[in-house]
Structure formats: C-alpha cells, structure tokens
N, C-alpha and C. Protein backbone atom coordinates (compact mmCIF):
# COMPACT_ATOMS: atom_id res chain seq x y z
N MET A 1 -88.08 -40.53 -44.37
CA MET A 1 -88.30 -41.97 -44.36
C MET A 1 -87.36 -42.67 -45.35
N LYS A 2 -87.22 -42.09 -46.57
CA LYS A 2 -86.34 -42.69 -47.55
C LYS A 2 -84.90 -42.68 -47.07
N LEU A 3 -84.49 -41.59 -46.40
CA LEU A 3 -83.14 -41.48 -45.89
C LEU A 3 -82.88 -42.54 -44.82
N LEU A 4 -83.85 -42.77 -43.96
CA LEU A 4 -83.72 -43.78 -42.92
C LEU A 4 -83.61 -45.18 -43.53
N SER A 5 -84.44 -45.46 -44.53
CA SER A 5 -84.40 -46.76 -45.20
C SER A 5 -83.06 -46.97 -45.88
N ALA A 6 -82.55 -45.94 -46.54
CA ALA A 6 -81.25 -46.05 -47.20
C ALA A 6 -80.14 -46.28 -46.18
N SER A 7 -80.22 -45.63 -45.04
CA SER A 7 -79.22 -45.81 -43.99
C SER A 7 -79.25 -47.22 -43.44
N ILE A 8 -80.44 -47.75 -43.23
CA ILE A 8 -80.57 -49.12 -42.72
C ILE A 8 -80.03 -50.11 -43.74
N LEU A 9 -80.34 -49.91 -45.01
CA LEU A 9 -79.85 -50.78 -46.07
C LEU A 9 -78.33 -50.74 -46.14
N ALA A 10 -77.77 -49.55 -46.09
CA ALA A 10 -76.31 -49.41 -46.14
C ALA A 10 -75.66 -50.11 -44.96
N ALA A 11 -76.22 -49.96 -43.77
CA ALA A 11 -75.68 -50.61 -42.58
C ALA A 11 -75.74 -52.13 -42.71
N ALA A 12 -76.84 -52.63 -43.24
CA ALA A 12 -76.99 -54.07 -43.42
C ALA A 12 -75.98 -54.61 -44.42
N LEU A 13 -75.78 -53.89 -45.51
CA LEU A 13 -74.80 -54.31 -46.51
C LEU A 13 -73.39 -54.31 -45.94
N LEU A 14 -73.05 -53.29 -45.20
CA LEU A 14 -71.72 -53.22 -44.60
C LEU A 14 -71.52 -54.34 -43.58
N ALA A 15 -72.52 -54.64 -42.80
CA ALA A 15 -72.42 -55.72 -41.82
C ALA A 15 -72.20 -57.05 -42.51
N GLY A 16 -72.85 -57.26 -43.63
CA GLY A 16 -72.70 -58.50 -44.39
C GLY A 16 -71.34 -58.64 -45.01
N CYS A 17 -70.65 -57.55 -45.25
CA CYS A 17 -69.32 -57.60 -45.86
C CYS A 17 -68.24 -57.97 -44.86
N GLY A 18 -68.52 -57.88 -43.58
CA GLY A 18 -67.52 -58.15 -42.57
C GLY A 18 -66.92 -59.53 -42.67
N GLY A 19 -67.73 -60.54 -42.97
CA GLY A 19 -67.24 -61.90 -43.07
C GLY A 19 -66.36 -62.13 -44.28
N MET A 20 -66.45 -61.28 -45.27
CA MET A 20 -65.66 -61.47 -46.48
C MET A 20 -64.19 -61.17 -46.25
N SER A 21 -63.84 -60.49 -45.20
CA SER A 21 -62.46 -60.12 -44.98
C SER A 21 -61.57 -61.33 -44.71
N THR A 22 -62.15 -62.49 -44.40
CA THR A 22 -61.34 -63.67 -44.13
C THR A 22 -61.12 -64.53 -45.37
N LYS A 23 -61.64 -64.15 -46.49
CA LYS A 23 -61.43 -64.91 -47.71
C LYS A 23 -59.97 -64.81 -48.13
N THR A 24 -59.44 -65.90 -48.67
CA THR A 24 -58.07 -65.86 -49.16
C THR A 24 -58.04 -65.17 -50.51
N ALA A 25 -56.93 -64.63 -50.83
CA ALA A 25 -56.68 -63.97 -52.11
C ALA A 25 -57.62 -62.80 -52.37
N GLY A 26 -58.41 -62.41 -51.38
CA GLY A 26 -59.27 -61.23 -51.50
C GLY A 26 -60.48 -61.41 -52.40
N ALA A 27 -60.71 -62.60 -52.92
CA ALA A 27 -61.84 -62.83 -53.80
C ALA A 27 -63.03 -63.34 -52.99
N PRO A 28 -64.22 -62.76 -53.18
CA PRO A 28 -65.37 -63.17 -52.38
C PRO A 28 -65.88 -64.57 -52.69
N ASP A 29 -65.49 -65.16 -53.81
CA ASP A 29 -66.04 -66.46 -54.16
C ASP A 29 -64.98 -67.55 -54.25
N THR A 30 -63.87 -67.39 -53.53
CA THR A 30 -62.87 -68.45 -53.49
C THR A 30 -63.43 -69.64 -52.73
N PRO A 31 -62.93 -70.83 -52.98
CA PRO A 31 -63.50 -72.02 -52.34
C PRO A 31 -63.14 -72.18 -50.87
N THR A 32 -62.21 -71.37 -50.36
CA THR A 32 -61.84 -71.44 -48.95
C THR A 32 -61.79 -70.05 -48.36
N ARG A 33 -61.59 -70.02 -47.05
CA ARG A 33 -61.29 -68.77 -46.36
C ARG A 33 -60.23 -69.10 -45.32
N THR A 34 -59.70 -68.09 -44.68
CA THR A 34 -58.68 -68.30 -43.66
C THR A 34 -59.29 -68.06 -42.29
N ALA A 35 -59.02 -68.98 -41.35
CA ALA A 35 -59.44 -68.84 -39.96
C ALA A 35 -58.30 -69.36 -39.08
N ASP A 36 -57.87 -68.56 -38.13
CA ASP A 36 -56.78 -68.95 -37.23
C ASP A 36 -55.53 -69.39 -37.99
N GLY A 37 -55.27 -68.75 -39.13
CA GLY A 37 -54.05 -69.02 -39.88
C GLY A 37 -54.06 -70.26 -40.76
N VAL A 38 -55.22 -70.92 -40.87
CA VAL A 38 -55.32 -72.10 -41.73
C VAL A 38 -56.48 -71.94 -42.70
N LEU A 39 -56.44 -72.71 -43.78
CA LEU A 39 -57.55 -72.69 -44.73
C LEU A 39 -58.70 -73.54 -44.19
N VAL A 40 -59.90 -73.03 -44.36
CA VAL A 40 -61.10 -73.77 -43.99
C VAL A 40 -62.04 -73.77 -45.18
N GLY A 41 -62.85 -74.81 -45.25
CA GLY A 41 -63.82 -74.93 -46.33
C GLY A 41 -65.04 -74.08 -46.08
N PRO A 42 -65.99 -74.10 -47.01
CA PRO A 42 -67.22 -73.32 -46.87
C PRO A 42 -68.00 -73.67 -45.60
N ASN A 43 -67.82 -74.87 -45.09
CA ASN A 43 -68.52 -75.30 -43.87
C ASN A 43 -67.77 -74.89 -42.60
N GLY A 44 -66.63 -74.19 -42.75
CA GLY A 44 -65.85 -73.74 -41.60
C GLY A 44 -64.87 -74.76 -41.06
N MET A 45 -64.83 -75.94 -41.67
CA MET A 45 -63.95 -77.01 -41.18
C MET A 45 -62.54 -76.88 -41.78
N THR A 46 -61.55 -77.25 -40.98
CA THR A 46 -60.14 -77.17 -41.36
C THR A 46 -59.86 -78.04 -42.58
N LEU A 47 -58.99 -77.52 -43.45
CA LEU A 47 -58.55 -78.26 -44.63
C LEU A 47 -57.11 -78.70 -44.45
N TYR A 48 -56.76 -79.80 -45.14
CA TYR A 48 -55.44 -80.41 -45.00
C TYR A 48 -54.83 -80.71 -46.37
N THR A 49 -53.50 -80.88 -46.35
CA THR A 49 -52.77 -81.37 -47.53
C THR A 49 -52.11 -82.69 -47.16
N PHE A 50 -51.79 -83.47 -48.18
CA PHE A 50 -51.25 -84.82 -48.01
C PHE A 50 -49.86 -84.89 -48.63
N ALA A 51 -48.87 -85.31 -47.87
CA ALA A 51 -47.48 -85.34 -48.35
C ALA A 51 -47.28 -86.32 -49.51
N ARG A 52 -48.16 -87.30 -49.66
CA ARG A 52 -48.00 -88.26 -50.76
C ARG A 52 -48.54 -87.73 -52.09
N ASP A 53 -49.26 -86.61 -52.03
CA ASP A 53 -49.64 -85.93 -53.27
C ASP A 53 -48.40 -85.24 -53.83
N THR A 54 -48.44 -84.97 -55.12
CA THR A 54 -47.37 -84.21 -55.76
C THR A 54 -47.97 -82.89 -56.20
N ALA A 55 -47.38 -81.80 -55.75
CA ALA A 55 -47.89 -80.47 -56.12
C ALA A 55 -47.94 -80.33 -57.63
N ASN A 56 -49.03 -79.76 -58.11
CA ASN A 56 -49.26 -79.47 -59.53
C ASN A 56 -49.35 -80.70 -60.42
N ALA A 57 -49.53 -81.90 -59.84
CA ALA A 57 -49.66 -83.11 -60.65
C ALA A 57 -51.05 -83.24 -61.26
N GLY A 58 -52.03 -82.55 -60.67
CA GLY A 58 -53.39 -82.62 -61.19
C GLY A 58 -54.12 -83.88 -60.78
N THR A 59 -53.57 -84.63 -59.83
CA THR A 59 -54.21 -85.86 -59.35
C THR A 59 -54.12 -85.91 -57.83
N SER A 60 -54.83 -86.87 -57.25
CA SER A 60 -54.81 -87.10 -55.81
C SER A 60 -54.28 -88.49 -55.52
N ALA A 61 -53.44 -88.61 -54.51
CA ALA A 61 -52.94 -89.91 -54.07
C ALA A 61 -53.85 -90.53 -53.01
N CYS A 62 -54.91 -89.81 -52.62
CA CYS A 62 -55.82 -90.27 -51.57
C CYS A 62 -57.14 -90.69 -52.22
N ASN A 63 -57.32 -92.00 -52.36
CA ASN A 63 -58.52 -92.54 -52.99
C ASN A 63 -59.07 -93.68 -52.14
N GLY A 64 -60.25 -94.18 -52.48
CA GLY A 64 -60.83 -95.30 -51.77
C GLY A 64 -61.06 -94.99 -50.30
N GLN A 65 -60.58 -95.89 -49.41
CA GLN A 65 -60.75 -95.71 -47.97
C GLN A 65 -60.09 -94.44 -47.49
N CYS A 66 -58.97 -94.08 -48.09
CA CYS A 66 -58.29 -92.83 -47.72
C CYS A 66 -59.24 -91.65 -47.90
N ALA A 67 -59.96 -91.61 -49.01
CA ALA A 67 -60.88 -90.50 -49.28
C ALA A 67 -62.11 -90.54 -48.38
N THR A 68 -62.40 -91.69 -47.78
CA THR A 68 -63.47 -91.77 -46.79
C THR A 68 -63.02 -91.06 -45.51
N ASN A 69 -61.78 -91.31 -45.12
CA ASN A 69 -61.22 -90.67 -43.92
C ASN A 69 -60.85 -89.22 -44.16
N TRP A 70 -60.45 -88.90 -45.39
CA TRP A 70 -60.00 -87.56 -45.76
C TRP A 70 -60.81 -87.08 -46.96
N PRO A 71 -62.07 -86.69 -46.74
CA PRO A 71 -62.93 -86.28 -47.86
C PRO A 71 -62.34 -85.09 -48.62
N PRO A 72 -62.31 -85.19 -49.93
CA PRO A 72 -61.78 -84.08 -50.74
C PRO A 72 -62.70 -82.86 -50.70
N LEU A 73 -62.11 -81.68 -50.86
CA LEU A 73 -62.89 -80.45 -50.99
C LEU A 73 -63.48 -80.45 -52.39
N ALA A 74 -64.77 -80.73 -52.47
CA ALA A 74 -65.47 -80.89 -53.75
C ALA A 74 -65.62 -79.57 -54.49
N VAL A 75 -65.72 -79.67 -55.80
CA VAL A 75 -65.86 -78.52 -56.69
C VAL A 75 -67.26 -78.50 -57.26
N ALA A 76 -67.92 -77.36 -57.17
CA ALA A 76 -69.24 -77.21 -57.80
C ALA A 76 -69.10 -77.29 -59.32
N ASP A 77 -70.12 -77.78 -59.98
CA ASP A 77 -70.06 -77.96 -61.44
C ASP A 77 -69.69 -76.68 -62.19
N ALA A 78 -70.19 -75.54 -61.75
CA ALA A 78 -69.96 -74.29 -62.47
C ALA A 78 -68.66 -73.58 -62.06
N ALA A 79 -67.93 -74.13 -61.10
CA ALA A 79 -66.72 -73.47 -60.59
C ALA A 79 -65.60 -73.45 -61.63
N LYS A 80 -64.80 -72.41 -61.54
CA LYS A 80 -63.64 -72.24 -62.44
C LYS A 80 -62.40 -71.98 -61.59
N PRO A 81 -61.22 -72.41 -62.06
CA PRO A 81 -59.99 -72.10 -61.34
C PRO A 81 -59.84 -70.59 -61.18
N MET A 82 -59.19 -70.17 -60.07
CA MET A 82 -59.02 -68.74 -59.81
C MET A 82 -57.82 -68.55 -58.91
N GLY A 83 -57.03 -67.53 -59.17
CA GLY A 83 -55.89 -67.23 -58.32
C GLY A 83 -55.03 -68.46 -58.09
N GLY A 84 -54.75 -68.79 -56.85
CA GLY A 84 -53.94 -69.96 -56.51
C GLY A 84 -54.72 -71.26 -56.50
N TYR A 85 -56.02 -71.20 -56.85
CA TYR A 85 -56.87 -72.39 -56.81
C TYR A 85 -56.98 -73.04 -58.18
N THR A 86 -56.75 -74.34 -58.22
CA THR A 86 -56.92 -75.13 -59.44
C THR A 86 -57.89 -76.27 -59.14
N ILE A 87 -58.33 -76.92 -60.20
CA ILE A 87 -59.26 -78.03 -60.07
C ILE A 87 -58.58 -79.28 -60.61
N ILE A 88 -58.60 -80.34 -59.81
CA ILE A 88 -58.07 -81.62 -60.29
C ILE A 88 -59.22 -82.58 -60.49
N VAL A 89 -58.98 -83.62 -61.28
CA VAL A 89 -59.98 -84.67 -61.48
C VAL A 89 -59.46 -85.91 -60.77
N ARG A 90 -60.26 -86.41 -59.85
CA ARG A 90 -59.88 -87.56 -59.03
C ARG A 90 -60.03 -88.88 -59.79
N GLU A 91 -59.48 -89.92 -59.22
CA GLU A 91 -59.56 -91.26 -59.79
C GLU A 91 -61.00 -91.69 -60.08
N ASP A 92 -61.94 -91.26 -59.22
CA ASP A 92 -63.35 -91.62 -59.40
C ASP A 92 -64.09 -90.68 -60.35
N GLY A 93 -63.35 -89.72 -60.95
CA GLY A 93 -63.94 -88.79 -61.91
C GLY A 93 -64.50 -87.52 -61.28
N LYS A 94 -64.56 -87.46 -59.95
CA LYS A 94 -65.06 -86.26 -59.29
C LYS A 94 -63.97 -85.19 -59.27
N LYS A 95 -64.42 -83.93 -59.13
CA LYS A 95 -63.48 -82.81 -59.13
C LYS A 95 -63.17 -82.37 -57.70
N GLN A 96 -61.93 -81.91 -57.51
CA GLN A 96 -61.46 -81.51 -56.19
C GLN A 96 -60.65 -80.22 -56.32
N TRP A 97 -60.78 -79.34 -55.32
CA TRP A 97 -59.99 -78.11 -55.29
C TRP A 97 -58.57 -78.41 -54.83
N ALA A 98 -57.63 -77.69 -55.42
CA ALA A 98 -56.24 -77.69 -54.97
C ALA A 98 -55.83 -76.24 -54.76
N TYR A 99 -54.95 -76.01 -53.80
CA TYR A 99 -54.45 -74.66 -53.53
C TYR A 99 -52.93 -74.69 -53.70
N LYS A 100 -52.43 -73.81 -54.56
CA LYS A 100 -51.00 -73.77 -54.90
C LYS A 100 -50.52 -75.16 -55.32
N GLY A 101 -51.39 -75.86 -56.05
CA GLY A 101 -51.05 -77.17 -56.59
C GLY A 101 -51.32 -78.35 -55.69
N TRP A 102 -51.64 -78.10 -54.41
CA TRP A 102 -51.86 -79.19 -53.45
C TRP A 102 -53.35 -79.47 -53.27
N PRO A 103 -53.81 -80.70 -53.55
CA PRO A 103 -55.22 -81.05 -53.30
C PRO A 103 -55.59 -80.79 -51.84
N LEU A 104 -56.83 -80.38 -51.62
CA LEU A 104 -57.32 -80.04 -50.29
C LEU A 104 -58.34 -81.07 -49.80
N TYR A 105 -58.21 -81.42 -48.51
CA TYR A 105 -59.05 -82.45 -47.89
C TYR A 105 -59.55 -81.99 -46.52
N TYR A 106 -60.68 -82.56 -46.12
CA TYR A 106 -61.16 -82.47 -44.74
C TYR A 106 -60.67 -83.72 -44.01
N TRP A 107 -60.77 -83.73 -42.68
CA TRP A 107 -60.46 -84.91 -41.87
C TRP A 107 -61.76 -85.35 -41.21
N ALA A 108 -62.16 -86.58 -41.43
CA ALA A 108 -63.43 -87.09 -40.95
C ALA A 108 -63.57 -87.02 -39.43
N LYS A 109 -62.46 -87.00 -38.70
CA LYS A 109 -62.52 -86.99 -37.24
C LYS A 109 -62.60 -85.59 -36.64
N ASP A 110 -62.46 -84.55 -37.47
CA ASP A 110 -62.75 -83.21 -36.98
C ASP A 110 -64.27 -83.12 -36.83
N THR A 111 -64.73 -82.67 -35.67
CA THR A 111 -66.18 -82.66 -35.43
C THR A 111 -66.80 -81.28 -35.43
N LYS A 112 -65.96 -80.23 -35.26
CA LYS A 112 -66.53 -78.88 -35.25
C LYS A 112 -65.52 -77.92 -35.86
N ALA A 113 -66.04 -76.78 -36.31
CA ALA A 113 -65.16 -75.74 -36.87
C ALA A 113 -64.07 -75.41 -35.86
N GLY A 114 -62.86 -75.28 -36.36
CA GLY A 114 -61.73 -74.97 -35.49
C GLY A 114 -60.92 -76.20 -35.09
N ASP A 115 -61.50 -77.40 -35.20
CA ASP A 115 -60.75 -78.61 -34.90
C ASP A 115 -59.61 -78.76 -35.90
N LYS A 116 -58.47 -79.23 -35.43
CA LYS A 116 -57.30 -79.48 -36.28
C LYS A 116 -56.68 -80.82 -35.90
N THR A 117 -57.52 -81.80 -35.60
CA THR A 117 -57.03 -83.08 -35.09
C THR A 117 -56.30 -83.91 -36.14
N GLY A 118 -56.40 -83.55 -37.39
CA GLY A 118 -55.72 -84.29 -38.44
C GLY A 118 -54.28 -83.84 -38.68
N ASP A 119 -53.89 -82.72 -38.07
CA ASP A 119 -52.54 -82.20 -38.29
C ASP A 119 -51.51 -83.17 -37.72
N GLY A 120 -50.63 -83.68 -38.58
CA GLY A 120 -49.57 -84.59 -38.16
C GLY A 120 -49.92 -86.06 -38.22
N VAL A 121 -51.16 -86.40 -38.62
CA VAL A 121 -51.57 -87.80 -38.70
C VAL A 121 -50.70 -88.53 -39.73
N ALA A 122 -50.55 -89.84 -39.53
CA ALA A 122 -49.78 -90.73 -40.41
C ALA A 122 -48.31 -90.28 -40.48
N ASN A 123 -47.72 -90.17 -39.30
CA ASN A 123 -46.31 -89.78 -39.21
C ASN A 123 -46.03 -88.45 -39.90
N GLY A 124 -46.98 -87.53 -39.78
CA GLY A 124 -46.78 -86.19 -40.33
C GLY A 124 -47.14 -86.03 -41.79
N ALA A 125 -47.72 -87.06 -42.40
CA ALA A 125 -48.08 -86.97 -43.83
C ALA A 125 -49.21 -85.97 -44.08
N TRP A 126 -50.05 -85.73 -43.07
CA TRP A 126 -51.16 -84.80 -43.19
C TRP A 126 -50.85 -83.52 -42.42
N LYS A 127 -51.01 -82.40 -43.08
CA LYS A 127 -50.75 -81.09 -42.47
C LYS A 127 -51.93 -80.17 -42.72
N VAL A 128 -52.18 -79.26 -41.76
CA VAL A 128 -53.20 -78.25 -42.03
C VAL A 128 -52.75 -77.44 -43.22
N ALA A 129 -53.70 -77.06 -44.06
CA ALA A 129 -53.41 -76.23 -45.23
C ALA A 129 -53.33 -74.78 -44.78
N ARG A 130 -52.29 -74.10 -45.24
CA ARG A 130 -52.09 -72.70 -44.86
C ARG A 130 -52.09 -71.83 -46.10
N PRO A 131 -52.59 -70.58 -45.94
CA PRO A 131 -52.62 -69.67 -47.09
C PRO A 131 -51.22 -69.24 -47.51
C-alpha cells in the first residue's frame, strides 16, 4: 500500500512539472513563460514591447490612456529581479516587469490566450515580446 501511494505521489508530482518546461530562463518563478515563441504573462496572454520605450531606462513611455490600452505586466510586492527580468517604477508609482530592459505590456484587445492582435499596432511601434 505504501509503495502504491508513493508511486501515485511521484506520478502526480511529475505531471505537475510538465508545465514548468515552458518557463523562460529555466526558473520556475519567472514572471513570464514562452508559448508559440512569444512571452506570455501568468494569465497566458501575449506580452508586448513598445518602440517608444528605451531599453534599460527604468521607465515606461506608455502612461495614462496608453496604459489603459496596453496594461503593464504588474509586479507582486515581494517580487525581486531575476535573470533577464528587471523591475521598473512607472509614472504612477506602480511597478512593472521588464525583460532584457524592455517594459512588458498586455494588449487590451487580445481576448484569449494565444491572441497576438497587438503585434504591429501604431505603425509597428508595438511588437510581441520574444524570449
């Protein structure tokens, strides 16, 4: 009985690890993962970068109405920078994830995981974020 229970537990643990293989940088707690060659947030939605941002500037050029249309990838209070991920402080004082220096955003018009309708918006200023 104990052997059977241990086998079931091991199988359950291994099954749960399958989803971790899509995390970027190999870390289980990174703020994004990779799906179909693009970065997606914890909710499975596509992430984007903005050409008007400056890499490694530590700020976002997308504020106000822009941030309504392109919600920033928010940072949990206890989160710390890791690997290629840094944390910037936005104009409104909220924290946002950046990858390789580029702030990350969602597109409000994407309605389901896998949508990439924001790619190329504003004369190409918005691009899907890639690992």
